[in-house]
Amino acid sequence: MDVRSEGLDDEIASVRARIGPGVGRRLAAAQVRGRRVERRLRSEGRWVEEDEVVRDLRDHLPSPGDANFPVEDPPEASDQWESLPLFFDGRSGPLAFARDLGGWEVLELSPHGGGEALSVIPPPDRPPALSPGADSLLADYLRYVLDRDQFLASVELEAVEGESGDVAEWARSELAALGAVVLARGSVRAKLHGGDGVMLSERDVIAGIRATDMDWLDRPTWGDRL
């Protein structure tokens, strides 16, 4: 199928219409911030060339382990509705995870504000087991994240704000933590549909990715601020 038939031409035209002199200035400013981050990390002996980080991690991909669980809870619904992890699950409205005393509350959000509680599900406190297909799918997703320009720009900013550890160590830790969040959210979604959340299938990992990936896009990088 020609992807243009799915509206790609219209999307590209819309992006081009928004590109003006301001975009170039923001890109230039981001490059200045990126060089500043590099100089700082080099001066502390913590810089690792980006292509070296990517090459090493692609060949030695970290897996989420016991140390990554339990993962960080989402915000409480009463505190930050706009910060809740969102995903779609075949219902009329988007669903969200929120922290609750009994685990994670699953809410169906209303266009009029607020949300209806569907269930409260405890997240896993250790890594769920994975089917062979699910394991390879998670690895493919982490490699995809690794190849994003945004990934190292975010990791390098975190390294600057941290007190120790080189860029490669921060990148390895970040990938393992991200994988753990995918598995935790996939497990909770599996339980929402009557599964045990202990052994995850490819479908469960996909559900975890879809409940996680949008959050990653909101992470700060040196392209946004320093």
C-alpha atoms as a PDB file:
ATOM      1  CA  MET A   1       0.000   0.000   0.000  1.00  0.00           C
ATOM      2  CA  ASP A   2       1.246   3.481  -0.886  1.00  0.00           C
ATOM      3  CA  VAL A   3       1.642   5.368   2.389  1.00  0.00           C
ATOM      4  CA  ARG A   4       0.625   8.561   0.591  1.00  0.00           C
ATOM      5  CA  SER A   5      -2.897   7.186   0.416  1.00  0.00           C
ATOM      6  CA  GLU A   6      -2.926   7.383   4.230  1.00  0.00           C
ATOM      7  CA  GLY A   7      -2.562  11.166   4.213  1.00  0.00           C
ATOM      8  CA  LEU A   8       1.225  11.466   4.395  1.00  0.00           C
ATOM      9  CA  ASP A   9       1.339  14.181   1.712  1.00  0.00           C
ATOM     10  CA  ASP A  10      -1.080  16.345   3.704  1.00  0.00           C
ATOM     11  CA  GLU A  11       0.932  15.822   6.877  1.00  0.00           C
ATOM     12  CA  ILE A  12       4.213  16.797   5.202  1.00  0.00           C
ATOM     13  CA  ALA A  13       2.601  19.862   3.659  1.00  0.00           C
ATOM     14  CA  SER A  14       1.312  20.914   7.081  1.00  0.00           C
ATOM     15  CA  VAL A  15       4.774  20.588   8.617  1.00  0.00           C
ATOM     16  CA  ARG A  16       6.405  22.545   5.806  1.00  0.00           C
ATOM     17  CA  ALA A  17       3.854  25.332   6.202  1.00  0.00           C
ATOM     18  CA  ARG A  18       4.922  25.780   9.828  1.00  0.00           C
ATOM     19  CA  ILE A  19       8.642  25.912   9.110  1.00  0.00           C
ATOM     20  CA  GLY A  20       9.933  29.461   9.192  1.00  0.00           C
ATOM     21  CA  PRO A  21      12.999  31.405  10.328  1.00  0.00           C
ATOM     22  CA  GLY A  22      12.138  30.710  13.972  1.00  0.00           C
ATOM     23  CA  VAL A  23      12.694  26.971  13.463  1.00  0.00           C
ATOM     24  CA  GLY A  24      16.245  27.571  12.281  1.00  0.00           C
ATOM     25  CA  ARG A  25      16.972  29.784  15.271  1.00  0.00           C
ATOM     26  CA  ARG A  26      15.654  27.158  17.696  1.00  0.00           C
ATOM     27  CA  LEU A  27      17.739  24.454  16.042  1.00  0.00           C
ATOM     28  CA  ALA A  28      20.852  26.610  16.263  1.00  0.00           C
ATOM     29  CA  ALA A  29      20.187  27.327  19.943  1.00  0.00           C
ATOM     30  CA  ALA A  30      19.711  23.617  20.600  1.00  0.00           C
ATOM     31  CA  GLN A  31      23.037  22.828  18.948  1.00  0.00           C
ATOM     32  CA  VAL A  32      24.744  25.382  21.205  1.00  0.00           C
ATOM     33  CA  ARG A  33      23.183  23.746  24.265  1.00  0.00           C
ATOM     34  CA  GLY A  34      24.233  20.315  23.024  1.00  0.00           C
ATOM     35  CA  ARG A  35      27.863  21.429  22.658  1.00  0.00           C
ATOM     36  CA  ARG A  36      27.705  22.927  26.157  1.00  0.00           C
ATOM     37  CA  VAL A  37      26.517  19.592  27.557  1.00  0.00           C
ATOM     38  CA  GLU A  38      29.331  17.790  25.761  1.00  0.00           C
ATOM     39  CA  ARG A  39      31.996  20.184  27.056  1.00  0.00           C
ATOM     40  CA  ARG A  40      30.721  19.805  30.599  1.00  0.00           C
ATOM     41  CA  LEU A  41      30.746  16.009  30.465  1.00  0.00           C
ATOM     42  CA  ARG A  42      34.141  15.927  28.765  1.00  0.00           C
ATOM     43  CA  SER A  43      35.600  18.143  31.471  1.00  0.00           C
ATOM     44  CA  GLU A  44      34.361  15.662  34.090  1.00  0.00           C
ATOM     45  CA  GLY A  45      35.631  12.629  32.166  1.00  0.00           C
ATOM     46  CA  ARG A  46      32.088  11.329  31.654  1.00  0.00           C
ATOM     47  CA  TRP A  47      31.577  11.874  27.923  1.00  0.00           C
ATOM     48  CA  VAL A  48      31.272   8.880  25.561  1.00  0.00           C
ATOM     49  CA  GLU A  49      30.870   9.408  21.825  1.00  0.00           C
ATOM     50  CA  GLU A  50      27.275   8.883  20.771  1.00  0.00           C
ATOM     51  CA  ASP A  51      28.023   6.372  18.005  1.00  0.00           C
ATOM     52  CA  GLU A  52      30.051   4.325  20.482  1.00  0.00           C
ATOM     53  CA  VAL A  53      27.172   4.301  22.971  1.00  0.00           C
ATOM     54  CA  VAL A  54      24.660   3.230  20.330  1.00  0.00           C
ATOM     55  CA  ARG A  55      26.934   0.547  18.854  1.00  0.00           C
ATOM     56  CA  ASP A  56      27.730  -0.982  22.256  1.00  0.00           C
ATOM     57  CA  LEU A  57      24.137  -0.988  23.482  1.00  0.00           C
ATOM     58  CA  ARG A  58      22.781  -2.475  20.269  1.00  0.00           C
ATOM     59  CA  ASP A  59      25.201  -5.382  20.711  1.00  0.00           C
ATOM     60  CA  HIS A  60      24.719  -5.673  24.495  1.00  0.00           C
ATOM     61  CA  LEU A  61      21.146  -4.586  25.106  1.00  0.00           C
ATOM     62  CA  PRO A  62      20.241  -4.338  28.814  1.00  0.00           C
ATOM     63  CA  SER A  63      17.242  -6.222  30.148  1.00  0.00           C
ATOM     64  CA  PRO A  64      15.033  -4.925  32.959  1.00  0.00           C
ATOM     65  CA  GLY A  65      15.788  -6.828  36.151  1.00  0.00           C
ATOM     66  CA  ASP A  66      14.797  -7.035  39.783  1.00  0.00           C
ATOM     67  CA  ALA A  67      16.556  -3.739  40.549  1.00  0.00           C
ATOM     68  CA  ASN A  68      14.155  -1.938  38.166  1.00  0.00           C
ATOM     69  CA  PHE A  69      11.038  -3.100  40.038  1.00  0.00           C
ATOM     70  CA  PRO A  70       8.697  -1.933  41.296  1.00  0.00           C
ATOM     71  CA  VAL A  71       8.622   0.895  38.772  1.00  0.00           C
ATOM     72  CA  GLU A  72       7.710   4.458  39.689  1.00  0.00           C
ATOM     73  CA  ASP A  73       3.999   4.943  40.271  1.00  0.00           C
ATOM     74  CA  PRO A  74       2.008   7.338  38.060  1.00  0.00           C
ATOM     75  CA  PRO A  75       0.691  10.554  39.647  1.00  0.00           C
ATOM     76  CA  GLU A  76      -2.530  10.583  41.628  1.00  0.00           C
ATOM     77  CA  ALA A  77      -5.563  11.512  39.531  1.00  0.00           C
ATOM     78  CA  SER A  78      -6.522  14.317  41.888  1.00  0.00           C
ATOM     79  CA  ASP A  79      -3.112  15.947  41.528  1.00  0.00           C
ATOM     80  CA  GLN A  80      -2.186  16.012  37.863  1.00  0.00           C
ATOM     81  CA  TRP A  81      -4.783  14.797  35.375  1.00  0.00           C
ATOM     82  CA  GLU A  82      -2.704  16.111  32.486  1.00  0.00           C
ATOM     83  CA  SER A  83       0.332  14.079  33.613  1.00  0.00           C
ATOM     84  CA  LEU A  84      -1.365  10.673  33.761  1.00  0.00           C
ATOM     85  CA  PRO A  85      -0.105   8.007  31.329  1.00  0.00           C
ATOM     86  CA  LEU A  86      -2.735   7.694  28.596  1.00  0.00           C
ATOM     87  CA  PHE A  87      -3.556   4.862  26.223  1.00  0.00           C
ATOM     88  CA  PHE A  88      -6.445   3.560  24.143  1.00  0.00           C
ATOM     89  CA  ASP A  89      -8.063   0.219  24.804  1.00  0.00           C
ATOM     90  CA  GLY A  90     -11.050  -0.096  22.496  1.00  0.00           C
ATOM     91  CA  ARG A  91     -13.317   2.124  24.590  1.00  0.00           C
ATOM     92  CA  SER A  92     -14.933   5.381  23.577  1.00  0.00           C
ATOM     93  CA  GLY A  93     -12.524   7.427  25.689  1.00  0.00           C
ATOM     94  CA  PRO A  94      -8.829   7.142  26.480  1.00  0.00           C
ATOM     95  CA  LEU A  95      -7.746   5.273  29.586  1.00  0.00           C
ATOM     96  CA  ALA A  96      -5.199   6.418  32.140  1.00  0.00           C
ATOM     97  CA  PHE A  97      -3.161   5.001  34.998  1.00  0.00           C
ATOM     98  CA  ALA A  98      -3.195   6.811  38.349  1.00  0.00           C
ATOM     99  CA  ARG A  99      -1.604   5.995  41.704  1.00  0.00           C
ATOM    100  CA  ASP A 100      -3.993   4.502  44.272  1.00  0.00           C
ATOM    101  CA  LEU A 101      -3.600   2.944  47.707  1.00  0.00           C
ATOM    102  CA  GLY A 102      -4.282  -0.519  46.298  1.00  0.00           C
ATOM    103  CA  GLY A 103      -2.097  -0.211  43.215  1.00  0.00           C
ATOM    104  CA  TRP A 104      -2.761   1.577  39.925  1.00  0.00           C
ATOM    105  CA  GLU A 105      -6.237   2.893  39.279  1.00  0.00           C
ATOM    106  CA  VAL A 106      -7.397   2.468  35.684  1.00  0.00           C
ATOM    107  CA  LEU A 107      -9.615   5.363  34.633  1.00  0.00           C
ATOM    108  CA  GLU A 108     -11.669   6.018  31.526  1.00  0.00           C
ATOM    109  CA  LEU A 109     -11.411   9.739  30.882  1.00  0.00           C
ATOM    110  CA  SER A 110     -14.419  11.839  29.940  1.00  0.00           C
ATOM    111  CA  PRO A 111     -14.330  14.687  27.386  1.00  0.00           C
ATOM    112  CA  HIS A 112     -16.210  16.714  29.999  1.00  0.00           C
ATOM    113  CA  GLY A 113     -13.448  16.276  32.582  1.00  0.00           C
ATOM    114  CA  GLY A 114     -12.637  13.701  35.210  1.00  0.00           C
ATOM    115  CA  GLY A 115     -12.776   9.990  34.744  1.00  0.00           C
ATOM    116  CA  GLU A 116     -14.614   6.807  35.675  1.00  0.00           C
ATOM    117  CA  ALA A 117     -12.674   4.260  37.723  1.00  0.00           C
ATOM    118  CA  LEU A 118     -12.671   0.851  36.039  1.00  0.00           C
ATOM    119  CA  SER A 119     -10.387  -1.096  38.333  1.00  0.00           C
ATOM    120  CA  VAL A 120      -7.454  -0.879  40.765  1.00  0.00           C
ATOM    121  CA  ILE A 121      -4.647  -3.269  39.845  1.00  0.00           C
ATOM    122  CA  PRO A 122      -1.351  -3.790  41.690  1.00  0.00           C
ATOM    123  CA  PRO A 123       1.679  -3.459  39.394  1.00  0.00           C
ATOM    124  CA  PRO A 124       4.297  -6.233  39.458  1.00  0.00           C
ATOM    125  CA  ASP A 125       7.076  -6.043  42.046  1.00  0.00           C
ATOM    126  CA  ARG A 126       9.421  -8.165  39.926  1.00  0.00           C
ATOM    127  CA  PRO A 127       9.981  -8.626  36.171  1.00  0.00           C
ATOM    128  CA  PRO A 128       7.178 -10.625  34.528  1.00  0.00           C
ATOM    129  CA  ALA A 129       8.201 -13.677  32.512  1.00  0.00           C
ATOM    130  CA  LEU A 130       8.134 -13.233  28.738  1.00  0.00           C
ATOM    131  CA  SER A 131       7.294 -15.566  25.911  1.00  0.00           C
ATOM    132  CA  PRO A 132      10.126 -15.853  23.321  1.00  0.00           C
ATOM    133  CA  GLY A 133       8.266 -13.572  20.929  1.00  0.00           C
ATOM    134  CA  ALA A 134       7.552 -11.048  23.654  1.00  0.00           C
ATOM    135  CA  ASP A 135      11.212 -10.983  24.708  1.00  0.00           C
ATOM    136  CA  SER A 136      12.428 -10.254  21.171  1.00  0.00           C
ATOM    137  CA  LEU A 137       9.695  -7.641  20.683  1.00  0.00           C
ATOM    138  CA  LEU A 138      10.795  -5.758  23.800  1.00  0.00           C
ATOM    139  CA  ALA A 139      14.406  -5.870  22.578  1.00  0.00           C
ATOM    140  CA  ASP A 140      13.362  -4.507  19.175  1.00  0.00           C
ATOM    141  CA  TYR A 141      11.484  -1.655  20.864  1.00  0.00           C
ATOM    142  CA  LEU A 142      14.459  -0.716  23.046  1.00  0.00           C
ATOM    143  CA  ARG A 143      16.718  -0.688  19.973  1.00  0.00           C
ATOM    144  CA  TYR A 144      14.197   1.556  18.252  1.00  0.00           C
ATOM    145  CA  VAL A 145      14.288   3.962  21.203  1.00  0.00           C
ATOM    146  CA  LEU A 146      18.090   3.844  21.187  1.00  0.00           C
ATOM    147  CA  ASP A 147      18.123   4.949  17.541  1.00  0.00           C
ATOM    148  CA  ARG A 148      15.992   8.027  18.240  1.00  0.00           C
ATOM    149  CA  ASP A 149      17.927  11.295  18.285  1.00  0.00           C
ATOM    150  CA  GLN A 150      15.913  12.250  21.348  1.00  0.00           C
ATOM    151  CA  PHE A 151      17.202   9.343  23.420  1.00  0.00           C
ATOM    152  CA  LEU A 152      20.802  10.409  23.879  1.00  0.00           C
ATOM    153  CA  ALA A 153      19.846  14.092  24.047  1.00  0.00           C
ATOM    154  CA  SER A 154      17.712  13.209  27.059  1.00  0.00           C
ATOM    155  CA  VAL A 155      20.278  10.856  28.604  1.00  0.00           C
ATOM    156  CA  GLU A 156      23.074  13.417  28.256  1.00  0.00           C
ATOM    157  CA  LEU A 157      20.963  16.034  30.013  1.00  0.00           C
ATOM    158  CA  GLU A 158      20.291  13.588  32.855  1.00  0.00           C
ATOM    159  CA  ALA A 159      24.015  12.796  33.080  1.00  0.00           C
ATOM    160  CA  VAL A 160      24.852  16.500  33.385  1.00  0.00           C
ATOM    161  CA  GLU A 161      22.354  16.868  36.206  1.00  0.00           C
ATOM    162  CA  GLY A 162      23.689  13.722  37.916  1.00  0.00           C
ATOM    163  CA  GLU A 163      26.807  13.534  40.030  1.00  0.00           C
ATOM    164  CA  SER A 164      28.493  10.450  38.600  1.00  0.00           C
ATOM    165  CA  GLY A 165      28.381   7.913  35.785  1.00  0.00           C
ATOM    166  CA  ASP A 166      29.350   8.365  32.155  1.00  0.00           C
ATOM    167  CA  VAL A 167      26.937   8.708  29.249  1.00  0.00           C
ATOM    168  CA  ALA A 168      27.091   4.999  28.413  1.00  0.00           C
ATOM    169  CA  GLU A 169      26.188   4.035  31.983  1.00  0.00           C
ATOM    170  CA  TRP A 170      23.280   6.466  32.050  1.00  0.00           C
ATOM    171  CA  ALA A 171      22.043   5.192  28.677  1.00  0.00           C
ATOM    172  CA  ARG A 172      22.191   1.564  29.803  1.00  0.00           C
ATOM    173  CA  SER A 173      20.329   2.380  33.014  1.00  0.00           C
ATOM    174  CA  GLU A 174      17.696   4.398  31.145  1.00  0.00           C
ATOM    175  CA  LEU A 175      16.971   1.622  28.641  1.00  0.00           C
ATOM    176  CA  ALA A 176      16.587  -0.967  31.403  1.00  0.00           C
ATOM    177  CA  ALA A 177      14.256   1.345  33.336  1.00  0.00           C
ATOM    178  CA  LEU A 178      12.174   2.044  30.226  1.00  0.00           C
ATOM    179  CA  GLY A 179      11.861  -1.676  29.545  1.00  0.00           C
ATOM    180  CA  ALA A 180      10.659  -2.205  33.103  1.00  0.00           C
ATOM    181  CA  VAL A 181       7.933   0.430  32.694  1.00  0.00           C
ATOM    182  CA  VAL A 182       6.779  -1.224  29.461  1.00  0.00           C
ATOM    183  CA  LEU A 183       6.549  -4.595  31.218  1.00  0.00           C
ATOM    184  CA  ALA A 184       4.792  -3.186  34.293  1.00  0.00           C
ATOM    185  CA  ARG A 185       2.182  -1.389  32.227  1.00  0.00           C
ATOM    186  CA  GLY A 186       1.787  -4.391  29.945  1.00  0.00           C
ATOM    187  CA  SER A 187       1.224  -6.574  33.010  1.00  0.00           C
ATOM    188  CA  VAL A 188      -1.420  -4.242  34.436  1.00  0.00           C
ATOM    189  CA  ARG A 189      -3.204  -4.073  31.096  1.00  0.00           C
ATOM    190  CA  ALA A 190      -3.139  -7.873  30.858  1.00  0.00           C
ATOM    191  CA  LYS A 191      -4.767  -8.103  34.317  1.00  0.00           C
ATOM    192  CA  LEU A 192      -7.351  -5.548  33.230  1.00  0.00           C
ATOM    193  CA  HIS A 193      -8.455  -8.046  30.581  1.00  0.00           C
ATOM    194  CA  GLY A 194      -8.503 -11.035  32.904  1.00  0.00           C
ATOM    195  CA  GLY A 195      -4.932 -12.267  32.477  1.00  0.00           C
ATOM    196  CA  ASP A 196      -2.568 -13.032  35.332  1.00  0.00           C
ATOM    197  CA  GLY A 197       0.100 -10.524  34.210  1.00  0.00           C
ATOM    198  CA  VAL A 198       2.824 -12.988  35.227  1.00  0.00           C
ATOM    199  CA  MET A 199       3.723 -14.368  31.784  1.00  0.00           C
ATOM    200  CA  LEU A 200       3.461 -11.709  29.084  1.00  0.00           C
ATOM    201  CA  SER A 201       2.768 -12.445  25.428  1.00  0.00           C
ATOM    202  CA  GLU A 202       3.692 -10.329  22.421  1.00  0.00           C
ATOM    203  CA  ARG A 203       0.237  -8.750  22.617  1.00  0.00           C
ATOM    204  CA  ASP A 204       0.859  -7.788  26.254  1.00  0.00           C
ATOM    205  CA  VAL A 205       4.221  -6.182  25.451  1.00  0.00           C
ATOM    206  CA  ILE A 206       2.633  -4.239  22.593  1.00  0.00           C
ATOM    207  CA  ALA A 207       0.001  -3.014  25.058  1.00  0.00           C
ATOM    208  CA  GLY A 208       2.774  -1.942  27.433  1.00  0.00           C
ATOM    209  CA  ILE A 209       4.591  -0.084  24.672  1.00  0.00           C
ATOM    210  CA  ARG A 210       1.427   1.746  23.653  1.00  0.00           C
ATOM    211  CA  ALA A 211       0.844   2.777  27.266  1.00  0.00           C
ATOM    212  CA  THR A 212       4.436   4.040  27.620  1.00  0.00           C
ATOM    213  CA  ASP A 213       5.854   5.466  24.408  1.00  0.00           C
ATOM    214  CA  MET A 214       3.894   8.729  24.485  1.00  0.00           C
ATOM    215  CA  ASP A 215       5.396   9.518  27.901  1.00  0.00           C
ATOM    216  CA  TRP A 216       8.896   9.241  26.489  1.00  0.00           C
ATOM    217  CA  LEU A 217       8.195  11.912  23.886  1.00  0.00           C
ATOM    218  CA  ASP A 218       7.555  14.413  26.697  1.00  0.00           C
ATOM    219  CA  ARG A 219      10.935  13.905  28.395  1.00  0.00           C
ATOM    220  CA  PRO A 220      13.221  16.974  28.489  1.00  0.00           C
ATOM    221  CA  THR A 221      16.358  17.019  26.341  1.00  0.00           C
ATOM    222  CA  TRP A 222      19.120  19.538  25.805  1.00  0.00           C
ATOM    223  CA  GLY A 223      17.136  20.499  22.728  1.00  0.00           C
ATOM    224  CA  ASP A 224      14.427  21.879  25.005  1.00  0.00           C
ATOM    225  CA  ARG A 225      16.233  23.326  27.988  1.00  0.00           C
ATOM    226  CA  LEU A 226      19.424  23.244  30.018  1.00  0.00           C
END
